[in-house]
Amino acid sequence: QSTGQKEHLSRCLQRGIRRVRDLCKVLQLPTVFEETAVSYFQRALQHTSFHLVSLEKKELLGGCCVFVTCRQHNWPLTMGTICSLLYAKQELFASVYLSLQKELGLSVPALSLADLVKTHLNSFRLFQHAADIPAPFVEDREKMVARTMQIVELASETWLVTGRHPVPIVTAAAFLSWQSLQPAARLTCTFARFCKLAGVDLPPPAHLRLKELLEILLRMASKLAWLRVFNMDKKTVVKHIGDLLQHRIFLLKNAFCLEDEEEQCAAAPSEGSPGSPPAAGGAVQEKGHPLEGKRQREGSPRPLLPPCLINPRKRLRTAALSASDSAITGDEPISDSEIEQYLRGPEEIRAFRKAKAWQ
């Protein structure tokens, strides 16, 4: 390296170390975390992979080192929190973080769902009295964290968490737990207003996760003896979330049929003598699902399956390819007049990245 390159690297190193230390002080991290993050930053800046990256990525490198250190010490810190402190885009931060992890060979454990719930709720503004927050809306932190954890565990047991972004589910669970702790004063508050008062973003899929959670709670409420006399809906069921969570295991067993029970019902012989011909209705039922008639009866439990299997996406039926179309291999040259339709514009790229972030 030339003298100029060494001086430039030295200036970048000094600025980066100051940025790392300042970030650790803002997050109130222990001294050992700060020293570990600084050592990671020094190693990263000496690595050839980070010499020619853009200035924006170099500024995010220090934040990635702090994020790695917190994960390794099981310190609850989300990527969204550190991105908001650095005014960084999550997609860009994630790319730098993955590069750092790969180039330095760092082992980073995944953040548990319980830690994520505590971290996400710590950013809420509903635990202290403020001028813009009505008094009945202020809640005790420990009570809300405990109730939210129970609802998230219920969501995990009913396939609502698997393969999905966790923040929308945690946000929906926090809203339900907050409403259920004082339903008389909070049932009229909408999900959007709750997020605005709490000072957190409302992720686009959170409304769908809230709808799925309420459907599970309604099914459980239909199996609780002292709630059958009430006409339960998505508003009134929130009042009884405490009772539903208390008897969660029993209610889940009764509200949903287990897989082995479904197989036994499917294997059971149809009613009637073996020699008698099946009725017209029976013939139709045999063509469909063997449990279709049983599930249509009132109160019959459905199997506990992931939402993607219960409500699968409709796929368009493709017509059979003609002889000329089937001969296309995909290696044909693209003419200059057609090349424009294959290129994405800046607005399309931004919209695609924004939609991809919540998948």
Protein backbone atom coordinates (compact mmCIF):
# COMPACT_ATOMS: atom_id res chain seq x y z
CA GLN A 1 0.00 0.00 0.00
CA SER A 2 1.13 3.55 -0.74
CA THR A 3 1.52 6.23 1.93
CA GLY A 4 -1.68 7.96 0.76
CA GLN A 5 -3.68 4.73 1.00
CA LYS A 6 -2.36 4.10 4.53
CA GLU A 7 -3.29 7.62 5.64
CA HIS A 8 -6.78 7.27 4.14
CA LEU A 9 -7.22 3.88 5.84
CA SER A 10 -6.04 5.35 9.14
CA ARG A 11 -8.56 8.21 8.93
CA CYS A 12 -11.40 5.79 8.07
CA LEU A 13 -10.35 3.56 10.97
CA GLN A 14 -10.34 6.42 13.48
CA ARG A 15 -13.72 7.74 12.32
CA GLY A 16 -15.19 4.25 12.33
CA ILE A 17 -13.95 3.44 15.83
CA ARG A 18 -15.45 6.69 17.15
CA ARG A 19 -18.74 5.82 15.45
CA VAL A 20 -18.73 2.31 16.97
CA ARG A 21 -18.02 3.65 20.48
CA ASP A 22 -20.72 6.32 20.17
CA LEU A 23 -23.24 3.71 19.03
CA CYS A 24 -22.39 1.46 21.99
CA LYS A 25 -22.88 4.39 24.39
CA VAL A 26 -26.28 5.21 22.87
CA LEU A 27 -27.35 1.57 23.27
CA GLN A 28 -25.84 1.50 26.81
CA LEU A 29 -23.83 -1.64 26.06
CA PRO A 30 -21.23 -3.05 28.49
CA THR A 31 -17.56 -2.19 27.96
CA VAL A 32 -16.69 -5.71 26.82
CA PHE A 33 -19.25 -5.39 24.00
CA GLU A 34 -17.67 -2.12 22.90
CA GLU A 35 -14.15 -3.58 22.76
CA THR A 36 -15.35 -6.64 20.83
CA ALA A 37 -17.19 -4.49 18.28
CA VAL A 38 -14.10 -2.27 17.82
CA SER A 39 -11.89 -5.32 17.23
CA TYR A 40 -14.34 -6.65 14.62
CA PHE A 41 -14.34 -3.27 12.89
CA GLN A 42 -10.54 -3.18 12.78
CA ARG A 43 -10.43 -6.69 11.29
CA ALA A 44 -13.08 -5.81 8.72
CA LEU A 45 -11.38 -2.61 7.57
CA GLN A 46 -8.09 -4.47 7.08
CA HIS A 47 -9.83 -7.09 4.92
CA THR A 48 -9.41 -6.52 1.20
CA SER A 49 -13.13 -7.11 0.54
CA PHE A 50 -14.02 -3.84 2.29
CA HIS A 51 -11.31 -1.60 0.82
CA LEU A 52 -13.21 -0.58 -2.32
CA VAL A 53 -16.78 -0.49 -1.00
CA SER A 54 -18.80 2.73 -1.06
CA LEU A 55 -18.62 5.27 1.76
CA GLU A 56 -22.23 4.49 2.71
CA LYS A 57 -21.39 0.82 3.25
CA LYS A 58 -18.27 1.69 5.25
CA GLU A 59 -20.40 3.81 7.57
CA LEU A 60 -22.75 0.85 8.09
CA LEU A 61 -19.85 -1.50 8.79
CA GLY A 62 -19.47 -0.23 12.35
CA GLY A 63 -23.17 -0.75 13.03
CA CYS A 64 -22.91 -4.31 11.69
CA CYS A 65 -20.01 -5.01 14.07
CA VAL A 66 -22.12 -3.79 17.01
CA PHE A 67 -25.06 -5.89 15.81
CA VAL A 68 -22.90 -9.03 15.54
CA THR A 69 -21.49 -8.47 19.03
CA CYS A 70 -24.96 -8.13 20.56
CA ARG A 71 -26.17 -11.29 18.85
CA GLN A 72 -23.15 -13.28 20.03
CA HIS A 73 -23.78 -12.20 23.65
CA ASN A 74 -27.54 -12.90 23.34
CA TRP A 75 -28.26 -9.19 23.83
CA PRO A 76 -31.74 -8.39 22.46
CA LEU A 77 -31.20 -5.96 19.59
CA THR A 78 -33.13 -5.99 16.32
CA MET A 79 -31.89 -4.92 12.92
CA GLY A 80 -34.71 -2.38 12.73
CA THR A 81 -33.53 -0.64 15.91
CA ILE A 82 -29.95 -0.22 14.76
CA CYS A 83 -31.04 0.85 11.26
CA SER A 84 -33.20 3.60 12.76
CA LEU A 85 -30.21 4.86 14.78
CA LEU A 86 -28.01 4.89 11.67
CA TYR A 87 -30.76 6.22 9.35
CA ALA A 88 -29.98 3.25 7.11
CA LYS A 89 -32.07 1.13 4.76
CA GLN A 90 -32.58 -2.38 6.09
CA GLU A 91 -31.81 -4.00 2.72
CA LEU A 92 -28.41 -2.29 2.48
CA PHE A 93 -27.61 -2.97 6.14
CA ALA A 94 -28.50 -6.66 5.70
CA SER A 95 -26.19 -6.99 2.69
CA VAL A 96 -23.24 -5.46 4.59
CA TYR A 97 -24.02 -7.63 7.63
CA LEU A 98 -24.01 -10.84 5.56
CA SER A 99 -20.75 -9.83 3.85
CA LEU A 100 -19.12 -9.15 7.23
CA GLN A 101 -20.29 -12.49 8.60
CA LYS A 102 -18.98 -14.34 5.54
CA GLU A 103 -15.60 -12.62 5.12
CA LEU A 104 -14.61 -12.74 8.80
CA GLY A 105 -16.11 -16.21 9.37
CA LEU A 106 -18.20 -15.06 12.35
CA SER A 107 -20.63 -17.39 14.09
CA VAL A 108 -23.83 -15.51 14.93
CA PRO A 109 -26.69 -17.25 16.81
CA ALA A 110 -30.26 -16.47 15.82
CA LEU A 111 -32.33 -14.17 18.04
CA SER A 112 -34.99 -16.14 19.91
CA LEU A 113 -38.65 -15.17 19.62
CA ALA A 114 -38.84 -14.35 23.35
CA ASP A 115 -35.93 -11.91 23.08
CA LEU A 116 -37.51 -10.35 20.00
CA VAL A 117 -40.81 -9.78 21.85
CA LYS A 118 -39.04 -8.05 24.75
CA THR A 119 -36.91 -5.93 22.44
CA HIS A 120 -39.82 -4.88 20.22
CA LEU A 121 -42.03 -3.96 23.17
CA ASN A 122 -39.23 -1.96 24.82
CA SER A 123 -39.57 0.57 21.99
CA PHE A 124 -43.28 1.19 22.76
CA ARG A 125 -44.30 4.52 24.31
CA LEU A 126 -47.30 3.11 26.21
CA PHE A 127 -45.53 2.38 29.49
CA GLN A 128 -45.16 5.97 30.72
CA HIS A 129 -47.66 8.80 31.05
CA ALA A 130 -47.39 11.41 28.30
CA ALA A 131 -49.44 14.37 27.13
CA ASP A 132 -50.50 12.72 23.85
CA ILE A 133 -51.39 9.33 25.44
CA PRO A 134 -54.74 9.03 27.31
CA ALA A 135 -54.42 7.75 30.87
CA PRO A 136 -56.45 4.51 30.27
CA PHE A 137 -54.06 3.61 27.43
CA VAL A 138 -50.95 3.47 29.65
CA GLU A 139 -50.04 -0.11 30.58
CA ASP A 140 -47.60 -1.90 32.87
CA ARG A 141 -44.60 -3.16 30.89
CA GLU A 142 -44.24 -6.54 32.63
CA LYS A 143 -47.93 -7.42 32.28
CA MET A 144 -47.97 -6.57 28.59
CA VAL A 145 -44.74 -8.47 27.83
CA ALA A 146 -46.04 -11.58 29.64
CA ARG A 147 -49.43 -11.52 27.86
CA THR A 148 -47.82 -10.84 24.46
CA MET A 149 -45.44 -13.78 24.96
CA GLN A 150 -48.41 -16.08 25.63
CA ILE A 151 -50.18 -14.95 22.45
CA VAL A 152 -47.00 -15.34 20.37
CA GLU A 153 -46.56 -18.87 21.77
CA LEU A 154 -50.17 -19.61 20.77
CA ALA A 155 -49.43 -18.28 17.28
CA SER A 156 -46.36 -20.51 17.09
CA GLU A 157 -48.38 -23.59 18.09
CA THR A 158 -51.00 -22.86 15.41
CA TRP A 159 -48.55 -22.44 12.48
CA LEU A 160 -48.87 -18.64 12.27
CA VAL A 161 -45.16 -17.96 12.89
CA THR A 162 -43.39 -20.56 10.73
CA GLY A 163 -41.74 -19.10 7.63
CA ARG A 164 -42.99 -15.56 8.25
CA HIS A 165 -41.52 -12.22 9.23
CA PRO A 166 -41.81 -12.13 13.06
CA VAL A 167 -42.35 -8.37 13.58
CA PRO A 168 -45.93 -8.21 12.15
CA ILE A 169 -46.96 -11.17 14.35
CA VAL A 170 -45.40 -9.63 17.47
CA THR A 171 -47.08 -6.29 16.71
CA ALA A 172 -50.50 -7.94 16.28
CA ALA A 173 -50.01 -9.97 19.48
CA ALA A 174 -49.01 -6.82 21.39
CA PHE A 175 -52.18 -5.06 20.21
CA LEU A 176 -54.41 -7.94 21.38
CA SER A 177 -52.64 -8.24 24.73
CA TRP A 178 -52.90 -4.47 25.30
CA GLN A 179 -56.63 -4.50 24.51
CA SER A 180 -57.33 -7.57 26.67
CA LEU A 181 -55.73 -6.09 29.79
CA GLN A 182 -58.30 -3.24 29.90
CA PRO A 183 -60.94 -4.06 27.27
CA ALA A 184 -63.58 -1.58 28.46
CA ALA A 185 -61.44 1.45 27.63
CA ARG A 186 -59.43 0.07 24.71
CA LEU A 187 -61.75 -1.96 22.46
CA THR A 188 -62.68 1.14 20.46
CA CYS A 189 -59.01 1.88 19.66
CA THR A 190 -58.01 0.78 16.15
CA PHE A 191 -54.83 -1.08 15.26
CA ALA A 192 -53.46 1.92 13.33
CA ARG A 193 -54.07 4.31 16.23
CA PHE A 194 -52.46 1.88 18.67
CA CYS A 195 -49.26 1.78 16.59
CA LYS A 196 -49.27 5.57 16.26
CA LEU A 197 -49.61 6.06 20.04
CA ALA A 198 -46.93 3.42 20.69
CA GLY A 199 -44.57 5.15 18.25
CA VAL A 200 -43.95 2.05 16.10
CA ASP A 201 -44.53 1.32 12.43
CA LEU A 202 -47.53 -0.72 11.30
CA PRO A 203 -46.10 -3.41 8.97
CA PRO A 204 -48.35 -4.19 5.96
CA PRO A 205 -48.95 -7.91 6.84
CA ALA A 206 -49.85 -7.12 10.48
CA HIS A 207 -53.58 -6.77 9.68
CA LEU A 208 -53.58 -10.28 8.18
CA ARG A 209 -51.75 -11.71 11.22
CA LEU A 210 -54.31 -10.01 13.50
CA LYS A 211 -57.17 -11.54 11.52
CA GLU A 212 -55.61 -15.03 11.75
CA LEU A 213 -55.04 -14.70 15.51
CA LEU A 214 -58.66 -13.64 16.07
CA GLU A 215 -59.92 -16.62 14.03
CA ILE A 216 -57.90 -18.99 16.24
CA LEU A 217 -59.23 -17.32 19.41
CA LEU A 218 -62.83 -17.55 18.17
CA ARG A 219 -62.46 -21.28 17.51
CA MET A 220 -61.03 -21.78 20.99
CA ALA A 221 -63.84 -19.70 22.56
CA SER A 222 -66.46 -21.93 20.93
CA LYS A 223 -65.11 -24.86 22.99
CA LEU A 224 -65.11 -23.09 26.35
CA ALA A 225 -68.28 -24.03 28.25
CA TRP A 226 -69.07 -20.71 29.94
CA LEU A 227 -68.54 -18.72 26.71
CA ARG A 228 -70.96 -20.72 24.55
CA VAL A 229 -73.94 -18.73 25.87
CA PHE A 230 -72.46 -15.52 24.41
CA ASN A 231 -72.52 -14.53 20.76
CA MET A 232 -68.77 -14.18 20.27
CA ASP A 233 -67.27 -11.97 17.58
CA LYS A 234 -63.84 -10.47 16.92
CA LYS A 235 -64.48 -7.63 19.38
CA THR A 236 -65.97 -9.50 22.33
CA VAL A 237 -63.53 -12.42 22.20
CA VAL A 238 -60.72 -10.03 23.20
CA LYS A 239 -62.33 -9.65 26.65
CA HIS A 240 -61.78 -13.36 27.35
CA ILE A 241 -58.21 -13.78 26.05
CA GLY A 242 -56.96 -14.37 29.60
CA ASP A 243 -59.30 -17.36 30.07
CA LEU A 244 -58.50 -18.74 26.62
CA LEU A 245 -54.75 -18.60 27.23
CA GLN A 246 -55.15 -20.20 30.67
CA HIS A 247 -56.83 -23.28 29.11
CA ARG A 248 -54.86 -23.12 25.85
CA ILE A 249 -53.80 -26.79 25.58
CA PHE A 250 -57.28 -28.19 26.30
CA LEU A 251 -59.00 -25.76 23.92
CA LEU A 252 -56.59 -26.38 21.04
CA LYS A 253 -57.18 -30.14 21.31
CA ASN A 254 -60.94 -29.65 21.15
CA ALA A 255 -61.03 -26.85 18.57
CA PHE A 256 -58.87 -28.69 16.02
CA CYS A 257 -58.77 -32.36 15.10
CA LEU A 258 -55.37 -34.02 15.24
CA GLU A 259 -53.67 -35.54 12.20
CA ASP A 260 -53.97 -39.15 13.40
CA GLU A 261 -57.69 -38.66 14.11
CA GLU A 262 -58.17 -37.37 10.58
CA GLU A 263 -56.41 -40.41 9.12
CA GLN A 264 -58.56 -42.76 11.20
CA CYS A 265 -61.73 -41.08 9.96
CA ALA A 266 -60.51 -41.24 6.38
CA ALA A 267 -59.69 -44.95 6.70
CA ALA A 268 -63.03 -45.84 8.30
CA PRO A 269 -65.42 -47.73 5.96
CA SER A 270 -68.49 -45.93 4.68
CA GLU A 271 -71.85 -46.62 6.32
CA GLY A 272 -74.20 -49.22 4.87
CA SER A 273 -73.83 -52.88 3.89
CA PRO A 274 -70.96 -53.86 1.59
CA GLY A 275 -73.31 -55.16 -1.06
CA SER A 276 -75.65 -52.19 -1.24
CA PRO A 277 -74.90 -49.56 -3.91
CA PRO A 278 -73.89 -46.11 -2.62
CA ALA A 279 -76.38 -43.29 -2.75
CA ALA A 280 -75.96 -40.37 -5.09
CA GLY A 281 -74.80 -38.12 -2.27
CA GLY A 282 -72.31 -40.75 -1.14
CA ALA A 283 -70.85 -41.02 -4.62
CA VAL A 284 -70.27 -37.29 -4.71
CA GLN A 285 -68.66 -37.36 -1.29
CA GLU A 286 -66.27 -40.14 -2.32
CA LYS A 287 -65.02 -38.02 -5.20
CA GLY A 288 -64.28 -35.11 -2.87
CA HIS A 289 -62.48 -35.09 0.45
CA PRO A 290 -63.57 -38.04 2.67
CA LEU A 291 -64.04 -35.69 5.65
CA GLU A 292 -65.91 -32.99 3.73
CA GLY A 293 -69.33 -34.08 4.95
CA LYS A 294 -68.14 -34.38 8.53
CA ARG A 295 -66.58 -30.90 8.57
CA GLN A 296 -69.72 -29.30 7.20
CA ARG A 297 -71.64 -30.32 10.32
CA GLU A 298 -71.83 -27.60 12.95
CA GLY A 299 -69.01 -27.64 15.47
CA SER A 300 -66.87 -30.15 13.59
CA PRO A 301 -63.16 -29.37 14.13
CA ARG A 302 -60.89 -28.79 11.17
CA PRO A 303 -57.29 -30.05 11.12
CA LEU A 304 -54.61 -27.77 12.55
CA LEU A 305 -52.71 -26.86 9.39
CA PRO A 306 -50.61 -23.89 8.21
CA PRO A 307 -52.63 -21.06 6.63
CA CYS A 308 -50.97 -21.68 3.25
CA LEU A 309 -52.63 -25.14 3.15
CA ILE A 310 -56.03 -23.99 4.41
CA ASN A 311 -56.23 -21.04 1.99
CA PRO A 312 -53.86 -21.90 -0.87
CA ARG A 313 -53.16 -19.28 -3.49
CA LYS A 314 -55.13 -19.73 -6.67
CA ARG A 315 -52.94 -20.67 -9.60
CA LEU A 316 -53.85 -19.74 -13.12
CA ARG A 317 -54.37 -22.67 -15.44
CA THR A 318 -51.95 -22.50 -18.32
CA ALA A 319 -53.09 -23.60 -21.75
CA ALA A 320 -51.24 -26.38 -23.52
CA LEU A 321 -48.23 -25.11 -25.45
CA SER A 322 -48.40 -25.14 -29.20
CA ALA A 323 -45.71 -26.80 -31.30
CA SER A 324 -44.07 -23.45 -32.07
CA ASP A 325 -44.07 -22.36 -28.40
CA SER A 326 -42.67 -25.66 -27.13
CA ALA A 327 -39.71 -25.25 -29.49
CA ILE A 328 -38.60 -22.08 -27.63
CA THR A 329 -35.57 -22.80 -25.42
CA GLY A 330 -34.99 -19.38 -23.86
CA ASP A 331 -31.61 -18.90 -25.52
CA GLU A 332 -33.01 -16.91 -28.45
CA PRO A 333 -31.51 -13.42 -28.99
CA ILE A 334 -33.56 -10.40 -27.85
CA SER A 335 -34.07 -7.70 -30.45
CA ASP A 336 -33.32 -4.04 -29.71
CA SER A 337 -37.02 -3.15 -29.94
CA GLU A 338 -37.93 -5.67 -27.18
CA ILE A 339 -35.06 -5.08 -24.74
CA GLU A 340 -36.80 -2.13 -23.01
CA GLN A 341 -39.63 -4.27 -21.60
CA TYR A 342 -37.15 -6.50 -19.75
CA LEU A 343 -35.46 -3.65 -17.87
CA ARG A 344 -36.82 -2.43 -14.55
CA GLY A 345 -37.01 1.27 -13.86
CA PRO A 346 -35.92 2.86 -10.54
CA GLU A 347 -39.51 3.04 -9.25
CA GLU A 348 -40.11 -0.66 -10.01
CA ILE A 349 -36.89 -1.61 -8.21
CA ARG A 350 -37.87 0.40 -5.10
CA ALA A 351 -41.38 -1.09 -5.04
CA PHE A 352 -39.99 -4.62 -5.47
CA ARG A 353 -37.49 -4.19 -2.60
CA LYS A 354 -40.14 -2.74 -0.31
CA ALA A 355 -42.51 -5.65 -0.95
CA LYS A 356 -39.70 -8.22 -0.62
CA ALA A 357 -38.66 -6.91 2.81
CA TRP A 358 -41.84 -8.27 4.49
CA GLN A 359 -41.86 -11.71 2.89
